[in-house]
Amino acid sequence: MSAQILDVARKYSLYSGTVICSLGIVGNIINVLVFTQLKPFRNNRYAFYLTVESISNICYLLFSLTIYILISIYGNDGTGSSLIWCKLRYTTAQTFVLITFTMICCTAADEYFSTNYLYNLRYICTLKLSRYLTFVFICIWITHSVIQTFFYNIVPSLGCAIANDIYLRYATYFTYPVLTGLLPIVISLLFSLFAYQNVRRLVRRQIPVARRRLDRQITAMCFIRVIAFVCLAAPYCCYRIYAVNNPVSRGKPLEFAIRQLVHVIFASVASLNFG
C-alpha cells in the first residue's frame, strides 16, 4: 500500500510540476513583455518589481523543469551522484524563491508608500531607490545561498542533504518556515491591506482623476496578487511547520508515504505562485 502511495506521489509531482512549469514560463514571458513594452507601465515602480519577479519566476521554473526532465529520464534528480549538482540543486532554487517572495513584499510596500496621504512617505519611493533595493536584496540572497552550498553533502543513508547539524536547525526552523514562509506572507499581507485603506481615501485628496484611477488599478492588482500569494503559500507553510515538529521516519512506511503525498500536493499548490 505504501509503495503505491509513493508511486502516486512521484507521478503527481512529475506531471503536475511539468504542466505548471511549462505554462508558468509562458505566462511570465508575457508579463515581462507587457510591463516593459506598454507605455503606462514604463518608469513605473510597480511594473519594475513585477518584471524582476517574472524574470526570477522564469529562472526558477526553467530550473524546476530541468529537474522534472532528469527525473523522467533517469528516475531521479541526480543529486545523489554528483556533489556539485547536490550543492547547486537546492541553493539555486532557493535563491529564486527568495527573490520572488521579496519582490512581492517590495511591491506591496511600495504601493503602500505611494498611496500614503503623507507627502514625505508618498515621495520617498523612487524608481532609483527601487532598483537599488532590488540589487541589494538579490546580492543578499545570492550570498545566503552561496554560504548554504558549503553545508550540503552527499550522505550515504540520506542522499543529498545538509550535513551540518547547526545549519540544519537553522534551515529547518528559520529558512523554510519563516524566511520562505511566514515572514513574506505577513509583510506582503499587511502592506497590501494598508495600501487598500490608503486608496479608499484617495477621493479626499486633490489629485488628477487619471492618476487616481491608475493608483486604484495598480493597488487592486497588487492586492489580488498578494491574496493569491497568501492563499497558495500559507497551506504549504503550515504543513512545513507541522512536519518539522512532527517528523515521521521511514520505519513507518504507510504514514511516511501519506506524508509524501500530502507534501507534493501542497508543494504543487505553492508552486502556482511562480506561474
C-alpha atoms as a PDB file:
ATOM      1  CA  MET A   1       0.000   0.000   0.000  1.00  0.00           C
ATOM      2  CA  SER A   2       2.762   2.435   0.946  1.00  0.00           C
ATOM      3  CA  ALA A   3       4.639   1.679  -2.292  1.00  0.00           C
ATOM      4  CA  GLN A   4       1.523   2.509  -4.317  1.00  0.00           C
ATOM      5  CA  ILE A   5       1.030   5.809  -2.482  1.00  0.00           C
ATOM      6  CA  LEU A   6       4.675   6.753  -3.048  1.00  0.00           C
ATOM      7  CA  ASP A   7       4.287   5.933  -6.745  1.00  0.00           C
ATOM      8  CA  VAL A   8       1.182   8.136  -6.941  1.00  0.00           C
ATOM      9  CA  ALA A   9       3.076  10.949  -5.183  1.00  0.00           C
ATOM     10  CA  ARG A  10       6.006  10.628  -7.588  1.00  0.00           C
ATOM     11  CA  LYS A  11       3.806  10.644 -10.698  1.00  0.00           C
ATOM     12  CA  TYR A  12       1.660  13.503  -9.406  1.00  0.00           C
ATOM     13  CA  SER A  13       4.753  15.584  -8.647  1.00  0.00           C
ATOM     14  CA  LEU A  14       6.256  14.858 -12.071  1.00  0.00           C
ATOM     15  CA  TYR A  15       3.171  15.539 -14.187  1.00  0.00           C
ATOM     16  CA  SER A  16       1.769  18.495 -12.239  1.00  0.00           C
ATOM     17  CA  GLY A  17       5.216  20.063 -11.969  1.00  0.00           C
ATOM     18  CA  THR A  18       5.854  19.748 -15.696  1.00  0.00           C
ATOM     19  CA  VAL A  19       2.500  21.333 -16.584  1.00  0.00           C
ATOM     20  CA  ILE A  20       2.868  24.168 -14.051  1.00  0.00           C
ATOM     21  CA  CYS A  21       6.419  24.932 -15.188  1.00  0.00           C
ATOM     22  CA  SER A  22       5.545  24.917 -18.890  1.00  0.00           C
ATOM     23  CA  LEU A  23       2.500  27.169 -18.538  1.00  0.00           C
ATOM     24  CA  GLY A  24       4.216  29.360 -15.956  1.00  0.00           C
ATOM     25  CA  ILE A  25       7.175  30.079 -18.219  1.00  0.00           C
ATOM     26  CA  VAL A  26       4.847  31.246 -20.995  1.00  0.00           C
ATOM     27  CA  GLY A  27       2.797  33.379 -18.596  1.00  0.00           C
ATOM     28  CA  ASN A  28       5.830  35.070 -17.082  1.00  0.00           C
ATOM     29  CA  ILE A  29       7.312  35.824 -20.504  1.00  0.00           C
ATOM     30  CA  ILE A  30       4.037  37.561 -21.392  1.00  0.00           C
ATOM     31  CA  ASN A  31       4.247  39.542 -18.127  1.00  0.00           C
ATOM     32  CA  VAL A  32       7.763  40.722 -18.948  1.00  0.00           C
ATOM     33  CA  LEU A  33       6.706  41.812 -22.438  1.00  0.00           C
ATOM     34  CA  VAL A  34       3.628  43.651 -21.137  1.00  0.00           C
ATOM     35  CA  PHE A  35       5.392  45.524 -18.337  1.00  0.00           C
ATOM     36  CA  THR A  36       8.380  46.504 -20.472  1.00  0.00           C
ATOM     37  CA  GLN A  37       6.558  47.457 -23.681  1.00  0.00           C
ATOM     38  CA  LEU A  38       3.298  49.141 -22.665  1.00  0.00           C
ATOM     39  CA  LYS A  39       3.614  52.898 -22.159  1.00  0.00           C
ATOM     40  CA  PRO A  40       1.532  53.195 -18.915  1.00  0.00           C
ATOM     41  CA  PHE A  41       3.955  50.853 -17.142  1.00  0.00           C
ATOM     42  CA  ARG A  42       7.206  52.438 -18.296  1.00  0.00           C
ATOM     43  CA  ASN A  43       9.190  54.004 -15.444  1.00  0.00           C
ATOM     44  CA  ASN A  44       6.613  52.573 -13.046  1.00  0.00           C
ATOM     45  CA  ARG A  45       7.966  51.064  -9.822  1.00  0.00           C
ATOM     46  CA  TYR A  46       5.159  48.528  -9.590  1.00  0.00           C
ATOM     47  CA  ALA A  47       5.897  47.313 -13.121  1.00  0.00           C
ATOM     48  CA  PHE A  48       9.620  47.196 -12.321  1.00  0.00           C
ATOM     49  CA  TYR A  49       9.098  44.943  -9.310  1.00  0.00           C
ATOM     50  CA  LEU A  50       6.747  42.684 -11.273  1.00  0.00           C
ATOM     51  CA  THR A  51       9.235  42.470 -14.127  1.00  0.00           C
ATOM     52  CA  VAL A  52      12.017  41.373 -11.777  1.00  0.00           C
ATOM     53  CA  GLU A  53       9.618  38.924 -10.128  1.00  0.00           C
ATOM     54  CA  SER A  54       8.623  37.475 -13.505  1.00  0.00           C
ATOM     55  CA  ILE A  55      12.263  37.067 -14.577  1.00  0.00           C
ATOM     56  CA  SER A  56      13.005  35.302 -11.276  1.00  0.00           C
ATOM     57  CA  ASN A  57       9.958  33.083 -11.825  1.00  0.00           C
ATOM     58  CA  ILE A  58      11.146  32.166 -15.321  1.00  0.00           C
ATOM     59  CA  CYS A  59      14.569  31.169 -13.983  1.00  0.00           C
ATOM     60  CA  TYR A  60      13.001  29.135 -11.177  1.00  0.00           C
ATOM     61  CA  LEU A  61      10.551  27.371 -13.498  1.00  0.00           C
ATOM     62  CA  LEU A  62      13.236  26.603 -16.093  1.00  0.00           C
ATOM     63  CA  PHE A  63      15.407  25.153 -13.334  1.00  0.00           C
ATOM     64  CA  SER A  64      12.487  23.116 -11.965  1.00  0.00           C
ATOM     65  CA  LEU A  65      11.585  21.893 -15.449  1.00  0.00           C
ATOM     66  CA  THR A  66      15.158  20.647 -15.833  1.00  0.00           C
ATOM     67  CA  ILE A  67      14.735  18.654 -12.613  1.00  0.00           C
ATOM     68  CA  TYR A  68      11.493  17.089 -13.841  1.00  0.00           C
ATOM     69  CA  ILE A  69      13.131  16.151 -17.155  1.00  0.00           C
ATOM     70  CA  LEU A  70      16.006  14.467 -15.290  1.00  0.00           C
ATOM     71  CA  ILE A  71      13.549  12.551 -13.117  1.00  0.00           C
ATOM     72  CA  SER A  72      11.507  11.414 -16.126  1.00  0.00           C
ATOM     73  CA  ILE A  73      14.645  10.191 -17.947  1.00  0.00           C
ATOM     74  CA  TYR A  74      16.790   8.749 -15.152  1.00  0.00           C
ATOM     75  CA  GLY A  75      14.245   8.142 -12.398  1.00  0.00           C
ATOM     76  CA  ASN A  76      15.956  10.609 -10.004  1.00  0.00           C
ATOM     77  CA  ASP A  77      17.251  14.178  -9.974  1.00  0.00           C
ATOM     78  CA  GLY A  78      20.909  13.155  -9.934  1.00  0.00           C
ATOM     79  CA  THR A  79      21.768  14.861  -6.640  1.00  0.00           C
ATOM     80  CA  GLY A  80      22.864  11.590  -5.066  1.00  0.00           C
ATOM     81  CA  SER A  81      25.639  11.003  -7.600  1.00  0.00           C
ATOM     82  CA  SER A  82      27.165  14.463  -8.151  1.00  0.00           C
ATOM     83  CA  LEU A  83      28.374  16.627  -5.260  1.00  0.00           C
ATOM     84  CA  ILE A  84      28.420  19.829  -7.342  1.00  0.00           C
ATOM     85  CA  TRP A  85      24.868  19.245  -8.561  1.00  0.00           C
ATOM     86  CA  CYS A  86      23.841  18.375  -4.995  1.00  0.00           C
ATOM     87  CA  LYS A  87      25.082  21.769  -3.801  1.00  0.00           C
ATOM     88  CA  LEU A  88      23.533  23.691  -6.705  1.00  0.00           C
ATOM     89  CA  ARG A  89      20.206  21.854  -6.825  1.00  0.00           C
ATOM     90  CA  TYR A  90      18.630  23.294  -3.679  1.00  0.00           C
ATOM     91  CA  THR A  91      20.559  26.536  -3.250  1.00  0.00           C
ATOM     92  CA  THR A  92      19.815  27.789  -6.772  1.00  0.00           C
ATOM     93  CA  ALA A  93      16.103  27.112  -6.443  1.00  0.00           C
ATOM     94  CA  GLN A  94      16.025  28.754  -3.018  1.00  0.00           C
ATOM     95  CA  THR A  95      17.693  31.895  -4.401  1.00  0.00           C
ATOM     96  CA  PHE A  96      14.958  32.401  -6.994  1.00  0.00           C
ATOM     97  CA  VAL A  97      12.246  31.657  -4.410  1.00  0.00           C
ATOM     98  CA  LEU A  98      13.629  34.288  -2.034  1.00  0.00           C
ATOM     99  CA  ILE A  99      13.955  36.855  -4.835  1.00  0.00           C
ATOM    100  CA  THR A 100      10.367  36.268  -5.962  1.00  0.00           C
ATOM    101  CA  PHE A 101       8.940  36.497  -2.451  1.00  0.00           C
ATOM    102  CA  THR A 102      10.994  39.630  -1.754  1.00  0.00           C
ATOM    103  CA  MET A 103       9.664  41.309  -4.899  1.00  0.00           C
ATOM    104  CA  ILE A 104       6.096  40.541  -3.807  1.00  0.00           C
ATOM    105  CA  CYS A 105       6.805  42.195  -0.446  1.00  0.00           C
ATOM    106  CA  CYS A 106       8.504  45.171  -2.131  1.00  0.00           C
ATOM    107  CA  THR A 107       5.539  45.618  -4.466  1.00  0.00           C
ATOM    108  CA  ALA A 108       3.089  45.704  -1.563  1.00  0.00           C
ATOM    109  CA  ALA A 109       5.300  48.040   0.499  1.00  0.00           C
ATOM    110  CA  ASP A 110       5.889  50.391  -2.434  1.00  0.00           C
ATOM    111  CA  GLU A 111       2.170  50.580  -3.145  1.00  0.00           C
ATOM    112  CA  TYR A 112       1.509  51.474   0.491  1.00  0.00           C
ATOM    113  CA  PHE A 113       4.044  54.310   0.437  1.00  0.00           C
ATOM    114  CA  SER A 114       2.989  55.634  -2.977  1.00  0.00           C
ATOM    115  CA  THR A 115      -0.675  55.896  -1.901  1.00  0.00           C
ATOM    116  CA  ASN A 116       0.023  57.279   1.576  1.00  0.00           C
ATOM    117  CA  TYR A 117      -1.597  60.603   2.452  1.00  0.00           C
ATOM    118  CA  LEU A 118       1.658  61.875   3.993  1.00  0.00           C
ATOM    119  CA  TYR A 119       3.701  63.729   1.389  1.00  0.00           C
ATOM    120  CA  ASN A 120       7.099  62.655   2.737  1.00  0.00           C
ATOM    121  CA  LEU A 121       6.156  58.978   2.736  1.00  0.00           C
ATOM    122  CA  ARG A 122       4.456  59.224  -0.649  1.00  0.00           C
ATOM    123  CA  TYR A 123       7.539  60.557  -2.408  1.00  0.00           C
ATOM    124  CA  ILE A 124      10.213  58.682  -0.503  1.00  0.00           C
ATOM    125  CA  CYS A 125       9.994  55.815  -3.009  1.00  0.00           C
ATOM    126  CA  THR A 126      11.538  56.428  -6.415  1.00  0.00           C
ATOM    127  CA  LEU A 127      12.436  54.165  -9.315  1.00  0.00           C
ATOM    128  CA  LYS A 128      16.107  54.700  -8.498  1.00  0.00           C
ATOM    129  CA  LEU A 129      15.520  53.541  -4.909  1.00  0.00           C
ATOM    130  CA  SER A 130      13.550  50.526  -6.175  1.00  0.00           C
ATOM    131  CA  ARG A 131      16.438  49.485  -8.400  1.00  0.00           C
ATOM    132  CA  TYR A 132      18.910  49.961  -5.563  1.00  0.00           C
ATOM    133  CA  LEU A 133      16.824  47.905  -3.105  1.00  0.00           C
ATOM    134  CA  THR A 134      16.320  45.164  -5.677  1.00  0.00           C
ATOM    135  CA  PHE A 135      20.057  44.961  -6.321  1.00  0.00           C
ATOM    136  CA  VAL A 136      20.799  44.830  -2.578  1.00  0.00           C
ATOM    137  CA  PHE A 137      18.230  42.109  -1.884  1.00  0.00           C
ATOM    138  CA  ILE A 138      19.424  39.996  -4.815  1.00  0.00           C
ATOM    139  CA  CYS A 139      23.010  40.253  -3.530  1.00  0.00           C
ATOM    140  CA  ILE A 140      21.867  39.275  -0.029  1.00  0.00           C
ATOM    141  CA  TRP A 141      20.007  36.181  -1.214  1.00  0.00           C
ATOM    142  CA  ILE A 142      22.826  35.092  -3.528  1.00  0.00           C
ATOM    143  CA  THR A 143      25.272  35.408  -0.617  1.00  0.00           C
ATOM    144  CA  HIS A 144      22.872  33.500   1.633  1.00  0.00           C
ATOM    145  CA  SER A 145      22.658  30.680  -0.910  1.00  0.00           C
ATOM    146  CA  VAL A 146      26.408  30.587  -1.572  1.00  0.00           C
ATOM    147  CA  ILE A 147      27.017  30.130   2.155  1.00  0.00           C
ATOM    148  CA  GLN A 148      24.454  27.329   2.165  1.00  0.00           C
ATOM    149  CA  THR A 149      26.356  25.375  -0.504  1.00  0.00           C
ATOM    150  CA  PHE A 150      29.162  24.685   1.975  1.00  0.00           C
ATOM    151  CA  PHE A 151      26.804  22.693   4.201  1.00  0.00           C
ATOM    152  CA  TYR A 152      25.267  20.387   1.582  1.00  0.00           C
ATOM    153  CA  ASN A 153      26.854  16.987   1.080  1.00  0.00           C
ATOM    154  CA  ILE A 154      26.012  13.503  -0.157  1.00  0.00           C
ATOM    155  CA  VAL A 155      25.128  11.434   2.912  1.00  0.00           C
ATOM    156  CA  PRO A 156      25.123   7.645   2.273  1.00  0.00           C
ATOM    157  CA  SER A 157      21.839   6.983   4.082  1.00  0.00           C
ATOM    158  CA  LEU A 158      20.014  10.165   3.031  1.00  0.00           C
ATOM    159  CA  GLY A 159      21.480  11.222  -0.311  1.00  0.00           C
ATOM    160  CA  CYS A 160      21.924  14.964  -0.877  1.00  0.00           C
ATOM    161  CA  ALA A 161      21.292  16.660   2.467  1.00  0.00           C
ATOM    162  CA  ILE A 162      22.575  19.316   4.865  1.00  0.00           C
ATOM    163  CA  ALA A 163      25.442  17.659   6.709  1.00  0.00           C
ATOM    164  CA  ASN A 164      25.977  20.316   9.399  1.00  0.00           C
ATOM    165  CA  ASP A 165      23.707  19.957  12.457  1.00  0.00           C
ATOM    166  CA  ILE A 166      23.742  23.653  13.363  1.00  0.00           C
ATOM    167  CA  TYR A 167      22.875  24.802   9.852  1.00  0.00           C
ATOM    168  CA  LEU A 168      20.285  22.030   9.597  1.00  0.00           C
ATOM    169  CA  ARG A 169      18.479  23.535  12.594  1.00  0.00           C
ATOM    170  CA  TYR A 170      18.756  26.999  11.027  1.00  0.00           C
ATOM    171  CA  ALA A 171      17.263  25.755   7.752  1.00  0.00           C
ATOM    172  CA  THR A 172      14.600  23.667   9.482  1.00  0.00           C
ATOM    173  CA  TYR A 173      13.367  26.235  11.977  1.00  0.00           C
ATOM    174  CA  PHE A 174      14.066  29.540  10.190  1.00  0.00           C
ATOM    175  CA  THR A 175      14.768  29.341   6.448  1.00  0.00           C
ATOM    176  CA  TYR A 176      11.836  27.142   5.421  1.00  0.00           C
ATOM    177  CA  PRO A 177       9.055  28.116   7.864  1.00  0.00           C
ATOM    178  CA  VAL A 178       9.983  31.806   8.328  1.00  0.00           C
ATOM    179  CA  LEU A 179      12.195  33.174   5.543  1.00  0.00           C
ATOM    180  CA  THR A 180      10.267  31.459   2.739  1.00  0.00           C
ATOM    181  CA  GLY A 181       7.013  31.175   4.673  1.00  0.00           C
ATOM    182  CA  LEU A 182       5.538  33.308   7.427  1.00  0.00           C
ATOM    183  CA  LEU A 183       7.722  36.407   7.008  1.00  0.00           C
ATOM    184  CA  PRO A 184       6.891  37.265   3.356  1.00  0.00           C
ATOM    185  CA  ILE A 185       3.257  36.265   3.890  1.00  0.00           C
ATOM    186  CA  VAL A 186       2.818  38.612   6.866  1.00  0.00           C
ATOM    187  CA  ILE A 187       4.772  41.514   5.327  1.00  0.00           C
ATOM    188  CA  SER A 188       3.003  41.419   1.961  1.00  0.00           C
ATOM    189  CA  LEU A 189      -0.446  40.972   3.517  1.00  0.00           C
ATOM    190  CA  LEU A 190      -0.064  43.850   5.987  1.00  0.00           C
ATOM    191  CA  PHE A 191       1.284  46.322   3.421  1.00  0.00           C
ATOM    192  CA  SER A 192      -1.378  45.400   0.855  1.00  0.00           C
ATOM    193  CA  LEU A 193      -4.137  45.928   3.439  1.00  0.00           C
ATOM    194  CA  PHE A 194      -2.642  49.298   4.405  1.00  0.00           C
ATOM    195  CA  ALA A 195      -2.403  50.263   0.718  1.00  0.00           C
ATOM    196  CA  TYR A 196      -6.039  49.286   0.211  1.00  0.00           C
ATOM    197  CA  GLN A 197      -7.014  51.581   3.081  1.00  0.00           C
ATOM    198  CA  ASN A 198      -4.974  54.399   1.537  1.00  0.00           C
ATOM    199  CA  VAL A 199      -6.719  54.044  -1.821  1.00  0.00           C
ATOM    200  CA  ARG A 200     -10.108  54.393  -0.158  1.00  0.00           C
ATOM    201  CA  ARG A 201      -9.010  57.866   0.977  1.00  0.00           C
ATOM    202  CA  LEU A 202      -7.849  58.975  -2.494  1.00  0.00           C
ATOM    203  CA  VAL A 203     -11.160  60.697  -3.213  1.00  0.00           C
ATOM    204  CA  ARG A 204     -10.375  63.220  -0.463  1.00  0.00           C
ATOM    205  CA  ARG A 205      -7.049  64.213  -1.997  1.00  0.00           C
ATOM    206  CA  GLN A 206      -6.645  66.813  -4.734  1.00  0.00           C
ATOM    207  CA  ILE A 207      -5.015  64.688  -7.432  1.00  0.00           C
ATOM    208  CA  PRO A 208      -5.836  64.249 -11.143  1.00  0.00           C
ATOM    209  CA  VAL A 209      -8.612  61.789 -11.966  1.00  0.00           C
ATOM    210  CA  ALA A 210      -6.351  59.801 -14.334  1.00  0.00           C
ATOM    211  CA  ARG A 211      -3.690  59.418 -11.628  1.00  0.00           C
ATOM    212  CA  ARG A 212      -6.329  58.396  -9.087  1.00  0.00           C
ATOM    213  CA  ARG A 213      -7.716  55.774 -11.459  1.00  0.00           C
ATOM    214  CA  LEU A 214      -4.235  54.377 -12.177  1.00  0.00           C
ATOM    215  CA  ASP A 215      -3.442  54.196  -8.442  1.00  0.00           C
ATOM    216  CA  ARG A 216      -6.642  52.276  -7.820  1.00  0.00           C
ATOM    217  CA  GLN A 217      -5.982  49.851 -10.664  1.00  0.00           C
ATOM    218  CA  ILE A 218      -2.407  49.172  -9.575  1.00  0.00           C
ATOM    219  CA  THR A 219      -3.433  48.765  -5.929  1.00  0.00           C
ATOM    220  CA  ALA A 220      -6.183  46.339  -6.947  1.00  0.00           C
ATOM    221  CA  MET A 221      -3.680  44.310  -8.995  1.00  0.00           C
ATOM    222  CA  CYS A 222      -1.226  44.324  -6.093  1.00  0.00           C
ATOM    223  CA  PHE A 223      -3.920  43.314  -3.596  1.00  0.00           C
ATOM    224  CA  ILE A 224      -5.121  40.424  -5.775  1.00  0.00           C
ATOM    225  CA  ARG A 225      -1.526  39.244  -6.275  1.00  0.00           C
ATOM    226  CA  VAL A 226      -0.849  39.273  -2.538  1.00  0.00           C
ATOM    227  CA  ILE A 227      -4.108  37.476  -1.702  1.00  0.00           C
ATOM    228  CA  ALA A 228      -3.250  34.793  -4.271  1.00  0.00           C
ATOM    229  CA  PHE A 229       0.265  34.552  -2.821  1.00  0.00           C
ATOM    230  CA  VAL A 230      -1.058  34.134   0.728  1.00  0.00           C
ATOM    231  CA  CYS A 231      -3.711  31.571  -0.254  1.00  0.00           C
ATOM    232  CA  LEU A 232      -1.232  29.492  -2.257  1.00  0.00           C
ATOM    233  CA  ALA A 233       1.742  29.742   0.106  1.00  0.00           C
ATOM    234  CA  ALA A 234       0.036  29.520   3.513  1.00  0.00           C
ATOM    235  CA  PRO A 235      -1.074  25.839   3.303  1.00  0.00           C
ATOM    236  CA  TYR A 236       2.429  24.665   2.377  1.00  0.00           C
ATOM    237  CA  CYS A 237       3.975  26.890   5.048  1.00  0.00           C
ATOM    238  CA  CYS A 238       1.636  25.480   7.723  1.00  0.00           C
ATOM    239  CA  TYR A 239       2.352  21.941   6.577  1.00  0.00           C
ATOM    240  CA  ARG A 240       6.119  22.501   6.716  1.00  0.00           C
ATOM    241  CA  ILE A 241       5.859  23.828  10.278  1.00  0.00           C
ATOM    242  CA  TYR A 242       3.745  20.810  11.255  1.00  0.00           C
ATOM    243  CA  ALA A 243       6.071  18.354   9.506  1.00  0.00           C
ATOM    244  CA  VAL A 244       9.148  19.823  11.184  1.00  0.00           C
ATOM    245  CA  ASN A 245       7.609  19.482  14.637  1.00  0.00           C
ATOM    246  CA  ASN A 246       6.076  16.061  13.929  1.00  0.00           C
ATOM    247  CA  PRO A 247       8.625  14.123  11.839  1.00  0.00           C
ATOM    248  CA  VAL A 248       7.869  10.639  10.518  1.00  0.00           C
ATOM    249  CA  SER A 249      10.620   8.085   9.999  1.00  0.00           C
ATOM    250  CA  ARG A 250      10.872   5.663   7.099  1.00  0.00           C
ATOM    251  CA  GLY A 251      10.292   2.924   9.676  1.00  0.00           C
ATOM    252  CA  LYS A 252       6.575   3.726   9.386  1.00  0.00           C
ATOM    253  CA  PRO A 253       6.147   3.187   5.635  1.00  0.00           C
ATOM    254  CA  LEU A 254       2.411   3.890   5.359  1.00  0.00           C
ATOM    255  CA  GLU A 255       2.468   7.118   7.371  1.00  0.00           C
ATOM    256  CA  PHE A 256       5.650   8.197   5.595  1.00  0.00           C
ATOM    257  CA  ALA A 257       4.054   7.595   2.181  1.00  0.00           C
ATOM    258  CA  ILE A 258       0.946   9.581   3.130  1.00  0.00           C
ATOM    259  CA  ARG A 259       3.139  12.445   4.309  1.00  0.00           C
ATOM    260  CA  GLN A 260       4.991  12.406   0.987  1.00  0.00           C
ATOM    261  CA  LEU A 261       1.726  12.560  -0.953  1.00  0.00           C
ATOM    262  CA  VAL A 262       0.425  15.451   1.161  1.00  0.00           C
ATOM    263  CA  HIS A 263       3.766  17.214   0.745  1.00  0.00           C
ATOM    264  CA  VAL A 264       3.769  17.058  -3.068  1.00  0.00           C
ATOM    265  CA  ILE A 265       0.141  18.235  -3.221  1.00  0.00           C
ATOM    266  CA  PHE A 266       0.810  21.294  -1.046  1.00  0.00           C
ATOM    267  CA  ALA A 267       4.094  21.925  -2.872  1.00  0.00           C
ATOM    268  CA  SER A 268       2.340  21.892  -6.253  1.00  0.00           C
ATOM    269  CA  VAL A 269      -0.235  24.386  -4.966  1.00  0.00           C
ATOM    270  CA  ALA A 270       2.542  26.645  -3.640  1.00  0.00           C
ATOM    271  CA  SER A 271       4.405  26.434  -6.960  1.00  0.00           C
ATOM    272  CA  LEU A 272       1.450  28.154  -8.650  1.00  0.00           C
ATOM    273  CA  ASN A 273       2.886  31.356  -7.150  1.00  0.00           C
ATOM    274  CA  PHE A 274       5.595  31.197  -9.795  1.00  0.00           C
ATOM    275  CA  GLY A 275       3.202  30.632 -12.691  1.00  0.00           C
END
